[in-house]
Amino acid sequence: MRVTMERFEEAVQAALDSIPEPFQRYLSDIEFVVAKRSERDLLGLYQGSGALVEGGFPARITLYRDTHAAISEGWEDLVAEVRRTVLHEIGHHFAMGEEELRRSGL
């Protein structure tokens, strides 16, 4: 599917807005960035030392538009996939590994 950067940013914002209010405060130290493409066909990338590490560097989650667009069949599918990716990368922020995230469905 084709999606403009502005429209992709709307999907990312919708994913962030869907996170329940009690958890929003834990996201204040994460910078969310959108990028056109990933050299490794990633959906998202977490960079940081995690919320559980004191004195860590600010965290960054990058979400890649082209990879999401390539696997999505329509707008609703894209929004759902972006939300899954956002939650997956936030899981890394809270020190969840790949296996734990897979078991949780992320």
PDB file of N, CA and C in Angstrom:
ATOM      1  N   MET A   1       0.841  -1.180   0.000  1.00  0.00           N
ATOM      2  CA  MET A   1       0.000   0.000   0.000  1.00  0.00           C
ATOM      3  C   MET A   1       0.878   1.232   0.000  1.00  0.00           C
ATOM      4  N   ARG A   2       0.357   2.303  -0.496  1.00  0.00           N
ATOM      5  CA  ARG A   2       1.074   3.576  -0.470  1.00  0.00           C
ATOM      6  C   ARG A   2       0.518   4.433   0.658  1.00  0.00           C
ATOM      7  N   VAL A   3       1.427   5.118   1.340  1.00  0.00           N
ATOM      8  CA  VAL A   3       1.007   5.996   2.431  1.00  0.00           C
ATOM      9  C   VAL A   3       1.996   7.157   2.511  1.00  0.00           C
ATOM     10  N   THR A   4       1.461   8.359   2.645  1.00  0.00           N
ATOM     11  CA  THR A   4       2.325   9.523   2.794  1.00  0.00           C
ATOM     12  C   THR A   4       2.929   9.535   4.189  1.00  0.00           C
ATOM     13  N   MET A   5       3.981  10.302   4.347  1.00  0.00           N
ATOM     14  CA  MET A   5       4.604  10.415   5.670  1.00  0.00           C
ATOM     15  C   MET A   5       3.619  11.022   6.666  1.00  0.00           C
ATOM     16  N   GLU A   6       2.839  12.010   6.233  1.00  0.00           N
ATOM     17  CA  GLU A   6       1.856  12.623   7.140  1.00  0.00           C
ATOM     18  C   GLU A   6       0.819  11.605   7.608  1.00  0.00           C
ATOM     19  N   ARG A   7       0.349  10.804   6.683  1.00  0.00           N
ATOM     20  CA  ARG A   7      -0.657   9.788   7.031  1.00  0.00           C
ATOM     21  C   ARG A   7      -0.046   8.728   7.947  1.00  0.00           C
ATOM     22  N   PHE A   8       1.214   8.350   7.686  1.00  0.00           N
ATOM     23  CA  PHE A   8       1.894   7.390   8.552  1.00  0.00           C
ATOM     24  C   PHE A   8       2.048   7.962   9.960  1.00  0.00           C
ATOM     25  N   GLU A   9       2.380   9.241  10.046  1.00  0.00           N
ATOM     26  CA  GLU A   9       2.494   9.887  11.355  1.00  0.00           C
ATOM     27  C   GLU A   9       1.154   9.858  12.098  1.00  0.00           C
ATOM     28  N   GLU A  10       0.047   9.962  11.365  1.00  0.00           N
ATOM     29  CA  GLU A  10      -1.283   9.846  11.978  1.00  0.00           C
ATOM     30  C   GLU A  10      -1.468   8.458  12.594  1.00  0.00           C
ATOM     31  N   ALA A  11      -1.012   7.427  11.892  1.00  0.00           N
ATOM     32  CA  ALA A  11      -1.116   6.058  12.413  1.00  0.00           C
ATOM     33  C   ALA A  11      -0.272   5.907  13.676  1.00  0.00           C
ATOM     34  N   VAL A  12       0.924   6.484  13.677  1.00  0.00           N
ATOM     35  CA  VAL A  12       1.780   6.422  14.862  1.00  0.00           C
ATOM     36  C   VAL A  12       1.115   7.151  16.023  1.00  0.00           C
ATOM     37  N   GLN A  13       0.568   8.330  15.765  1.00  0.00           N
ATOM     38  CA  GLN A  13      -0.097   9.081  16.832  1.00  0.00           C
ATOM     39  C   GLN A  13      -1.308   8.320  17.356  1.00  0.00           C
ATOM     40  N   ALA A  14      -2.059   7.681  16.476  1.00  0.00           N
ATOM     41  CA  ALA A  14      -3.209   6.877  16.909  1.00  0.00           C
ATOM     42  C   ALA A  14      -2.749   5.747  17.829  1.00  0.00           C
ATOM     43  N   ALA A  15      -1.618   5.119  17.491  1.00  0.00           N
ATOM     44  CA  ALA A  15      -1.081   4.045  18.334  1.00  0.00           C
ATOM     45  C   ALA A  15      -0.694   4.590  19.706  1.00  0.00           C
ATOM     46  N   LEU A  16      -0.038   5.735  19.732  1.00  0.00           N
ATOM     47  CA  LEU A  16       0.365   6.324  21.015  1.00  0.00           C
ATOM     48  C   LEU A  16      -0.850   6.758  21.830  1.00  0.00           C
ATOM     49  N   ASP A  17      -1.846   7.322  21.166  1.00  0.00           N
ATOM     50  CA  ASP A  17      -3.069   7.746  21.860  1.00  0.00           C
ATOM     51  C   ASP A  17      -3.846   6.569  22.424  1.00  0.00           C
ATOM     52  N   SER A  18      -3.654   5.381  21.850  1.00  0.00           N
ATOM     53  CA  SER A  18      -4.404   4.203  22.311  1.00  0.00           C
ATOM     54  C   SER A  18      -3.826   3.602  23.592  1.00  0.00           C
ATOM     55  N   ILE A  19      -2.665   4.057  23.992  1.00  0.00           N
ATOM     56  CA  ILE A  19      -2.058   3.546  25.225  1.00  0.00           C
ATOM     57  C   ILE A  19      -2.802   4.167  26.402  1.00  0.00           C
ATOM     58  N   PRO A  20      -3.278   3.357  27.334  1.00  0.00           N
ATOM     59  CA  PRO A  20      -4.081   3.883  28.446  1.00  0.00           C
ATOM     60  C   PRO A  20      -3.343   4.973  29.229  1.00  0.00           C
ATOM     61  N   GLU A  21      -4.092   5.946  29.672  1.00  0.00           N
ATOM     62  CA  GLU A  21      -3.551   7.113  30.385  1.00  0.00           C
ATOM     63  C   GLU A  21      -2.601   6.763  31.530  1.00  0.00           C
ATOM     64  N   PRO A  22      -2.899   5.766  32.372  1.00  0.00           N
ATOM     65  CA  PRO A  22      -1.972   5.472  33.473  1.00  0.00           C
ATOM     66  C   PRO A  22      -0.554   5.111  33.004  1.00  0.00           C
ATOM     67  N   PHE A  23      -0.421   4.663  31.759  1.00  0.00           N
ATOM     68  CA  PHE A  23       0.890   4.269  31.244  1.00  0.00           C
ATOM     69  C   PHE A  23       1.583   5.388  30.472  1.00  0.00           C
ATOM     70  N   GLN A  24       0.840   6.435  30.126  1.00  0.00           N
ATOM     71  CA  GLN A  24       1.402   7.521  29.332  1.00  0.00           C
ATOM     72  C   GLN A  24       2.621   8.165  30.003  1.00  0.00           C
ATOM     73  N   ARG A  25       2.581   8.292  31.324  1.00  0.00           N
ATOM     74  CA  ARG A  25       3.689   8.965  32.018  1.00  0.00           C
ATOM     75  C   ARG A  25       5.002   8.198  31.886  1.00  0.00           C
ATOM     76  N   TYR A  26       4.930   6.900  31.662  1.00  0.00           N
ATOM     77  CA  TYR A  26       6.139   6.101  31.506  1.00  0.00           C
ATOM     78  C   TYR A  26       6.769   6.269  30.118  1.00  0.00           C
ATOM     79  N   LEU A  27       6.073   6.951  29.240  1.00  0.00           N
ATOM     80  CA  LEU A  27       6.564   7.141  27.884  1.00  0.00           C
ATOM     81  C   LEU A  27       7.204   8.510  27.680  1.00  0.00           C
ATOM     82  N   SER A  28       7.180   9.336  28.696  1.00  0.00           N
ATOM     83  CA  SER A  28       7.672  10.711  28.547  1.00  0.00           C
ATOM     84  C   SER A  28       9.163  10.786  28.250  1.00  0.00           C
ATOM     85  N   ASP A  29       9.909   9.754  28.582  1.00  0.00           N
ATOM     86  CA  ASP A  29      11.348   9.772  28.323  1.00  0.00           C
ATOM     87  C   ASP A  29      11.726   9.023  27.041  1.00  0.00           C
ATOM     88  N   ILE A  30      10.732   8.777  26.193  1.00  0.00           N
ATOM     89  CA  ILE A  30      10.992   8.116  24.907  1.00  0.00           C
ATOM     90  C   ILE A  30      10.708   9.107  23.787  1.00  0.00           C
ATOM     91  N   GLU A  31      11.646   9.233  22.875  1.00  0.00           N
ATOM     92  CA  GLU A  31      11.446  10.035  21.675  1.00  0.00           C
ATOM     93  C   GLU A  31      10.948   9.094  20.578  1.00  0.00           C
ATOM     94  N   PHE A  32       9.816   9.418  19.985  1.00  0.00           N
ATOM     95  CA  PHE A  32       9.268   8.624  18.883  1.00  0.00           C
ATOM     96  C   PHE A  32       9.596   9.333  17.574  1.00  0.00           C
ATOM     97  N   VAL A  33      10.213   8.596  16.655  1.00  0.00           N
ATOM     98  CA  VAL A  33      10.669   9.145  15.381  1.00  0.00           C
ATOM     99  C   VAL A  33      10.100   8.297  14.264  1.00  0.00           C
ATOM    100  N   VAL A  34       9.697   8.947  13.177  1.00  0.00           N
ATOM    101  CA  VAL A  34       9.279   8.200  11.991  1.00  0.00           C
ATOM    102  C   VAL A  34      10.333   8.404  10.914  1.00  0.00           C
ATOM    103  N   ALA A  35      10.595   7.342  10.190  1.00  0.00           N
ATOM    104  CA  ALA A  35      11.574   7.380   9.111  1.00  0.00           C
ATOM    105  C   ALA A  35      10.985   6.700   7.893  1.00  0.00           C
ATOM    106  N   LYS A  36      11.504   7.053   6.742  1.00  0.00           N
ATOM    107  CA  LYS A  36      10.986   6.500   5.495  1.00  0.00           C
ATOM    108  C   LYS A  36      11.260   5.012   5.373  1.00  0.00           C
ATOM    109  N   ARG A  37      12.520   4.619   5.560  1.00  0.00           N
ATOM    110  CA  ARG A  37      12.839   3.197   5.369  1.00  0.00           C
ATOM    111  C   ARG A  37      13.948   2.761   6.295  1.00  0.00           C
ATOM    112  N   SER A  38      14.020   1.469   6.466  1.00  0.00           N
ATOM    113  CA  SER A  38      15.060   0.820   7.246  1.00  0.00           C
ATOM    114  C   SER A  38      15.950   0.048   6.284  1.00  0.00           C
ATOM    115  N   GLU A  39      17.238   0.125   6.484  1.00  0.00           N
ATOM    116  CA  GLU A  39      18.158  -0.633   5.628  1.00  0.00           C
ATOM    117  C   GLU A  39      18.004  -2.136   5.830  1.00  0.00           C
ATOM    118  N   ARG A  40      17.440  -2.532   6.973  1.00  0.00           N
ATOM    119  CA  ARG A  40      17.303  -3.967   7.279  1.00  0.00           C
ATOM    120  C   ARG A  40      15.855  -4.428   7.270  1.00  0.00           C
ATOM    121  N   ASP A  41      14.973  -3.662   6.650  1.00  0.00           N
ATOM    122  CA  ASP A  41      13.548  -4.000   6.581  1.00  0.00           C
ATOM    123  C   ASP A  41      12.901  -4.169   7.953  1.00  0.00           C
ATOM    124  N   LEU A  42      13.312  -3.355   8.907  1.00  0.00           N
ATOM    125  CA  LEU A  42      12.717  -3.386  10.231  1.00  0.00           C
ATOM    126  C   LEU A  42      11.402  -2.616  10.228  1.00  0.00           C
ATOM    127  N   LEU A  43      10.499  -3.019  11.109  1.00  0.00           N
ATOM    128  CA  LEU A  43       9.277  -2.248  11.330  1.00  0.00           C
ATOM    129  C   LEU A  43       9.554  -1.119  12.318  1.00  0.00           C
ATOM    130  N   GLY A  44      10.361  -1.435  13.324  1.00  0.00           N
ATOM    131  CA  GLY A  44      10.703  -0.456  14.341  1.00  0.00           C
ATOM    132  C   GLY A  44      12.041  -0.790  14.970  1.00  0.00           C
ATOM    133  N   LEU A  45      12.605   0.187  15.657  1.00  0.00           N
ATOM    134  CA  LEU A  45      13.892  -0.007  16.310  1.00  0.00           C
ATOM    135  C   LEU A  45      13.896   0.736  17.630  1.00  0.00           C
ATOM    136  N   TYR A  46      14.228   0.025  18.699  1.00  0.00           N
ATOM    137  CA  TYR A  46      14.385   0.641  20.018  1.00  0.00           C
ATOM    138  C   TYR A  46      15.864   0.898  20.251  1.00  0.00           C
ATOM    139  N   GLN A  47      16.178   2.109  20.655  1.00  0.00           N
ATOM    140  CA  GLN A  47      17.542   2.462  21.014  1.00  0.00           C
ATOM    141  C   GLN A  47      17.502   3.136  22.376  1.00  0.00           C
ATOM    142  N   GLY A  48      18.174   2.548  23.345  1.00  0.00           N
ATOM    143  CA  GLY A  48      18.208   3.107  24.691  1.00  0.00           C
ATOM    144  C   GLY A  48      18.626   2.050  25.671  1.00  0.00           C
ATOM    145  N   SER A  49      18.777   2.472  26.903  1.00  0.00           N
ATOM    146  CA  SER A  49      19.194   1.513  27.918  1.00  0.00           C
ATOM    147  C   SER A  49      18.030   0.941  28.700  1.00  0.00           C
ATOM    148  N   GLY A  50      16.837   1.391  28.429  1.00  0.00           N
ATOM    149  CA  GLY A  50      15.657   0.844  29.094  1.00  0.00           C
ATOM    150  C   GLY A  50      15.263   1.646  30.315  1.00  0.00           C
ATOM    151  N   ALA A  51      13.987   1.579  30.636  1.00  0.00           N
ATOM    152  CA  ALA A  51      13.447   2.337  31.760  1.00  0.00           C
ATOM    153  C   ALA A  51      13.953   1.823  33.089  1.00  0.00           C
ATOM    154  N   LEU A  52      14.394   0.581  33.118  1.00  0.00           N
ATOM    155  CA  LEU A  52      14.807  -0.015  34.379  1.00  0.00           C
ATOM    156  C   LEU A  52      16.264   0.276  34.725  1.00  0.00           C
ATOM    157  N   VAL A  53      16.968   0.962  33.840  1.00  0.00           N
ATOM    158  CA  VAL A  53      18.365   1.282  34.070  1.00  0.00           C
ATOM    159  C   VAL A  53      18.468   2.760  34.442  1.00  0.00           C
ATOM    160  N   GLU A  54      18.901   3.034  35.670  1.00  0.00           N
ATOM    161  CA  GLU A  54      19.014   4.426  36.092  1.00  0.00           C
ATOM    162  C   GLU A  54      20.186   5.091  35.404  1.00  0.00           C
ATOM    163  N   GLY A  55      20.016   6.363  35.103  1.00  0.00           N
ATOM    164  CA  GLY A  55      21.088   7.111  34.478  1.00  0.00           C
ATOM    165  C   GLY A  55      21.332   6.733  33.034  1.00  0.00           C
ATOM    166  N   GLY A  56      20.386   6.036  32.425  1.00  0.00           N
ATOM    167  CA  GLY A  56      20.552   5.631  31.037  1.00  0.00           C
ATOM    168  C   GLY A  56      20.373   6.801  30.092  1.00  0.00           C
ATOM    169  N   PHE A  57      20.714   6.581  28.853  1.00  0.00           N
ATOM    170  CA  PHE A  57      20.546   7.604  27.839  1.00  0.00           C
ATOM    171  C   PHE A  57      19.076   7.717  27.477  1.00  0.00           C
ATOM    172  N   PRO A  58      18.665   8.873  26.966  1.00  0.00           N
ATOM    173  CA  PRO A  58      17.266   8.985  26.512  1.00  0.00           C
ATOM    174  C   PRO A  58      16.972   7.903  25.472  1.00  0.00           C
ATOM    175  N   ALA A  59      15.792   7.362  25.529  1.00  0.00           N
ATOM    176  CA  ALA A  59      15.402   6.294  24.617  1.00  0.00           C
ATOM    177  C   ALA A  59      14.796   6.876  23.350  1.00  0.00           C
ATOM    178  N   ARG A  60      14.938   6.118  22.274  1.00  0.00           N
ATOM    179  CA  ARG A  60      14.355   6.506  20.994  1.00  0.00           C
ATOM    180  C   ARG A  60      13.730   5.268  20.366  1.00  0.00           C
ATOM    181  N   ILE A  61      12.516   5.453  19.850  1.00  0.00           N
ATOM    182  CA  ILE A  61      11.860   4.414  19.063  1.00  0.00           C
ATOM    183  C   ILE A  61      11.635   4.985  17.675  1.00  0.00           C
ATOM    184  N   THR A  62      12.196   4.304  16.683  1.00  0.00           N
ATOM    185  CA  THR A  62      12.026   4.717  15.292  1.00  0.00           C
ATOM    186  C   THR A  62      11.062   3.741  14.630  1.00  0.00           C
ATOM    187  N   LEU A  63      10.091   4.293  13.914  1.00  0.00           N
ATOM    188  CA  LEU A  63       9.101   3.497  13.189  1.00  0.00           C
ATOM    189  C   LEU A  63       9.286   3.765  11.698  1.00  0.00           C
ATOM    190  N   TYR A  64       9.311   2.696  10.917  1.00  0.00           N
ATOM    191  CA  TYR A  64       9.644   2.793   9.500  1.00  0.00           C
ATOM    192  C   TYR A  64       8.407   2.660   8.616  1.00  0.00           C
ATOM    193  N   ARG A  65       8.133   3.729   7.893  1.00  0.00           N
ATOM    194  CA  ARG A  65       6.945   3.802   7.050  1.00  0.00           C
ATOM    195  C   ARG A  65       6.932   2.751   5.943  1.00  0.00           C
ATOM    196  N   ASP A  66       8.002   2.669   5.149  1.00  0.00           N
ATOM    197  CA  ASP A  66       7.977   1.805   3.967  1.00  0.00           C
ATOM    198  C   ASP A  66       7.787   0.331   4.320  1.00  0.00           C
ATOM    199  N   THR A  67       8.401  -0.108   5.403  1.00  0.00           N
ATOM    200  CA  THR A  67       8.243  -1.510   5.803  1.00  0.00           C
ATOM    201  C   THR A  67       6.802  -1.787   6.220  1.00  0.00           C
ATOM    202  N   HIS A  68       6.220  -0.870   6.981  1.00  0.00           N
ATOM    203  CA  HIS A  68       4.817  -1.044   7.375  1.00  0.00           C
ATOM    204  C   HIS A  68       3.904  -1.038   6.154  1.00  0.00           C
ATOM    205  N   ALA A  69       4.149  -0.116   5.238  1.00  0.00           N
ATOM    206  CA  ALA A  69       3.310  -0.028   4.037  1.00  0.00           C
ATOM    207  C   ALA A  69       3.411  -1.298   3.200  1.00  0.00           C
ATOM    208  N   ALA A  70       4.599  -1.880   3.146  1.00  0.00           N
ATOM    209  CA  ALA A  70       4.807  -3.074   2.327  1.00  0.00           C
ATOM    210  C   ALA A  70       4.042  -4.291   2.846  1.00  0.00           C
ATOM    211  N   ILE A  71       3.798  -4.357   4.149  1.00  0.00           N
ATOM    212  CA  ILE A  71       3.115  -5.532   4.692  1.00  0.00           C
ATOM    213  C   ILE A  71       1.637  -5.290   4.989  1.00  0.00           C
ATOM    214  N   SER A  72       1.165  -4.068   4.723  1.00  0.00           N
ATOM    215  CA  SER A  72      -0.222  -3.722   5.038  1.00  0.00           C
ATOM    216  C   SER A  72      -1.081  -3.738   3.786  1.00  0.00           C
ATOM    217  N   GLU A  73      -2.310  -4.225   3.961  1.00  0.00           N
ATOM    218  CA  GLU A  73      -3.233  -4.322   2.827  1.00  0.00           C
ATOM    219  C   GLU A  73      -4.195  -3.149   2.743  1.00  0.00           C
ATOM    220  N   GLY A  74      -4.201  -2.319   3.749  1.00  0.00           N
ATOM    221  CA  GLY A  74      -5.086  -1.163   3.768  1.00  0.00           C
ATOM    222  C   GLY A  74      -4.826  -0.340   5.013  1.00  0.00           C
ATOM    223  N   TRP A  75      -5.558   0.770   5.120  1.00  0.00           N
ATOM    224  CA  TRP A  75      -5.343   1.696   6.223  1.00  0.00           C
ATOM    225  C   TRP A  75      -5.527   1.034   7.595  1.00  0.00           C
ATOM    226  N   GLU A  76      -6.620   0.311   7.783  1.00  0.00           N
ATOM    227  CA  GLU A  76      -6.874  -0.318   9.081  1.00  0.00           C
ATOM    228  C   GLU A  76      -5.789  -1.320   9.437  1.00  0.00           C
ATOM    229  N   ASP A  77      -5.325  -2.065   8.466  1.00  0.00           N
ATOM    230  CA  ASP A  77      -4.245  -3.022   8.667  1.00  0.00           C
ATOM    231  C   ASP A  77      -2.955  -2.294   9.065  1.00  0.00           C
ATOM    232  N   LEU A  78      -2.669  -1.181   8.408  1.00  0.00           N
ATOM    233  CA  LEU A  78      -1.485  -0.393   8.721  1.00  0.00           C
ATOM    234  C   LEU A  78      -1.549   0.141  10.153  1.00  0.00           C
ATOM    235  N   VAL A  79      -2.689   0.686  10.532  1.00  0.00           N
ATOM    236  CA  VAL A  79      -2.852   1.232  11.883  1.00  0.00           C
ATOM    237  C   VAL A  79      -2.644   0.136  12.925  1.00  0.00           C
ATOM    238  N   ALA A  80      -3.206  -1.034  12.684  1.00  0.00           N
ATOM    239  CA  ALA A  80      -3.052  -2.148  13.628  1.00  0.00           C
ATOM    240  C   ALA A  80      -1.595  -2.597  13.720  1.00  0.00           C
ATOM    241  N   GLU A  81      -0.914  -2.669  12.589  1.00  0.00           N
ATOM    242  CA  GLU A  81       0.492  -3.103  12.580  1.00  0.00           C
ATOM    243  C   GLU A  81       1.387  -2.073  13.253  1.00  0.00           C
ATOM    244  N   VAL A  82       1.120  -0.801  13.020  1.00  0.00           N
ATOM    245  CA  VAL A  82       1.895   0.249  13.690  1.00  0.00           C
ATOM    246  C   VAL A  82       1.697   0.154  15.194  1.00  0.00           C
ATOM    247  N   ARG A  83       0.470  -0.094  15.642  1.00  0.00           N
ATOM    248  CA  ARG A  83       0.221  -0.222  17.085  1.00  0.00           C
ATOM    249  C   ARG A  83       0.988  -1.405  17.662  1.00  0.00           C
ATOM    250  N   ARG A  84       0.969  -2.537  16.973  1.00  0.00           N
ATOM    251  CA  ARG A  84       1.738  -3.696  17.441  1.00  0.00           C
ATOM    252  C   ARG A  84       3.219  -3.366  17.544  1.00  0.00           C
ATOM    253  N   THR A  85       3.732  -2.668  16.548  1.00  0.00           N
ATOM    254  CA  THR A  85       5.150  -2.308  16.547  1.00  0.00           C
ATOM    255  C   THR A  85       5.470  -1.355  17.690  1.00  0.00           C
ATOM    256  N   VAL A  86       4.635  -0.357  17.908  1.00  0.00           N
ATOM    257  CA  VAL A  86       4.850   0.590  19.007  1.00  0.00           C
ATOM    258  C   VAL A  86       4.877  -0.154  20.335  1.00  0.00           C
ATOM    259  N   LEU A  87       3.912  -1.032  20.556  1.00  0.00           N
ATOM    260  CA  LEU A  87       3.867  -1.783  21.814  1.00  0.00           C
ATOM    261  C   LEU A  87       5.079  -2.704  21.950  1.00  0.00           C
ATOM    262  N   HIS A  88       5.496  -3.321  20.863  1.00  0.00           N
ATOM    263  CA  HIS A  88       6.667  -4.201  20.871  1.00  0.00           C
ATOM    264  C   HIS A  88       7.916  -3.415  21.283  1.00  0.00           C
ATOM    265  N   GLU A  89       8.120  -2.270  20.662  1.00  0.00           N
ATOM    266  CA  GLU A  89       9.308  -1.470  20.973  1.00  0.00           C
ATOM    267  C   GLU A  89       9.246  -0.885  22.386  1.00  0.00           C
ATOM    268  N   ILE A  90       8.070  -0.517  22.851  1.00  0.00           N
ATOM    269  CA  ILE A  90       7.925  -0.068  24.239  1.00  0.00           C
ATOM    270  C   ILE A  90       8.263  -1.215  25.188  1.00  0.00           C
ATOM    271  N   GLY A  91       7.908  -2.432  24.812  1.00  0.00           N
ATOM    272  CA  GLY A  91       8.277  -3.603  25.612  1.00  0.00           C
ATOM    273  C   GLY A  91       9.777  -3.701  25.795  1.00  0.00           C
ATOM    274  N   HIS A  92      10.540  -3.407  24.745  1.00  0.00           N
ATOM    275  CA  HIS A  92      12.001  -3.393  24.866  1.00  0.00           C
ATOM    276  C   HIS A  92      12.450  -2.334  25.864  1.00  0.00           C
ATOM    277  N   HIS A  93      11.759  -1.206  25.886  1.00  0.00           N
ATOM    278  CA  HIS A  93      12.090  -0.134  26.829  1.00  0.00           C
ATOM    279  C   HIS A  93      11.975  -0.634  28.273  1.00  0.00           C
ATOM    280  N   PHE A  94      11.053  -1.543  28.485  1.00  0.00           N
ATOM    281  CA  PHE A  94      10.857  -2.103  29.822  1.00  0.00           C
ATOM    282  C   PHE A  94      11.548  -3.453  29.982  1.00  0.00           C
ATOM    283  N   ALA A  95      12.619  -3.626  29.222  1.00  0.00           N
ATOM    284  CA  ALA A  95      13.550  -4.763  29.345  1.00  0.00           C
ATOM    285  C   ALA A  95      12.942  -6.106  28.973  1.00  0.00           C
ATOM    286  N   MET A  96      11.926  -6.115  28.147  1.00  0.00           N
ATOM    287  CA  MET A  96      11.372  -7.373  27.659  1.00  0.00           C
ATOM    288  C   MET A  96      12.186  -7.820  26.457  1.00  0.00           C
ATOM    289  N   GLY A  97      12.584  -9.088  26.440  1.00  0.00           N
ATOM    290  CA  GLY A  97      13.334  -9.645  25.325  1.00  0.00           C
ATOM    291  C   GLY A  97      12.407 -10.116  24.225  1.00  0.00           C
ATOM    292  N   GLU A  98      13.004 -10.497  23.110  1.00  0.00           N
ATOM    293  CA  GLU A  98      12.214 -10.941  21.953  1.00  0.00           C
ATOM    294  C   GLU A  98      11.307 -12.123  22.273  1.00  0.00           C
ATOM    295  N   GLU A  99      11.825 -13.106  22.995  1.00  0.00           N
ATOM    296  CA  GLU A  99      11.019 -14.288  23.319  1.00  0.00           C
ATOM    297  C   GLU A  99       9.836 -13.923  24.206  1.00  0.00           C
ATOM    298  N   GLU A 100      10.060 -13.097  25.185  1.00  0.00           N
ATOM    299  CA  GLU A 100       8.965 -12.658  26.066  1.00  0.00           C
ATOM    300  C   GLU A 100       7.928 -11.866  25.288  1.00  0.00           C
ATOM    301  N   LEU A 101       8.370 -11.023  24.377  1.00  0.00           N
ATOM    302  CA  LEU A 101       7.439 -10.252  23.551  1.00  0.00           C
ATOM    303  C   LEU A 101       6.646 -11.173  22.625  1.00  0.00           C
ATOM    304  N   ARG A 102       7.291 -12.180  22.068  1.00  0.00           N
ATOM    305  CA  ARG A 102       6.571 -13.147  21.211  1.00  0.00           C
ATOM    306  C   ARG A 102       5.494 -13.867  22.005  1.00  0.00           C
ATOM    307  N   ARG A 103       5.850 -14.308  23.206  1.00  0.00           N
ATOM    308  CA  ARG A 103       4.864 -15.017  24.049  1.00  0.00           C
ATOM    309  C   ARG A 103       3.686 -14.121  24.391  1.00  0.00           C
ATOM    310  N   SER A 104       3.921 -12.826  24.507  1.00  0.00           N
ATOM    311  CA  SER A 104       2.837 -11.904  24.858  1.00  0.00           C
ATOM    312  C   SER A 104       2.025 -11.484  23.639  1.00  0.00           C
ATOM    313  N   GLY A 105       2.459 -11.937  22.451  1.00  0.00           N
ATOM    314  CA  GLY A 105       1.723 -11.601  21.236  1.00  0.00           C
ATOM    315  C   GLY A 105       2.234 -10.358  20.549  1.00  0.00           C
ATOM    316  N   LEU A 106       3.341  -9.816  21.026  1.00  0.00           N
ATOM    317  CA  LEU A 106       3.900  -8.603  20.401  1.00  0.00           C
ATOM    318  C   LEU A 106       5.115  -8.989  19.618  1.00  0.00           C
TER     319      LEU A 106
END
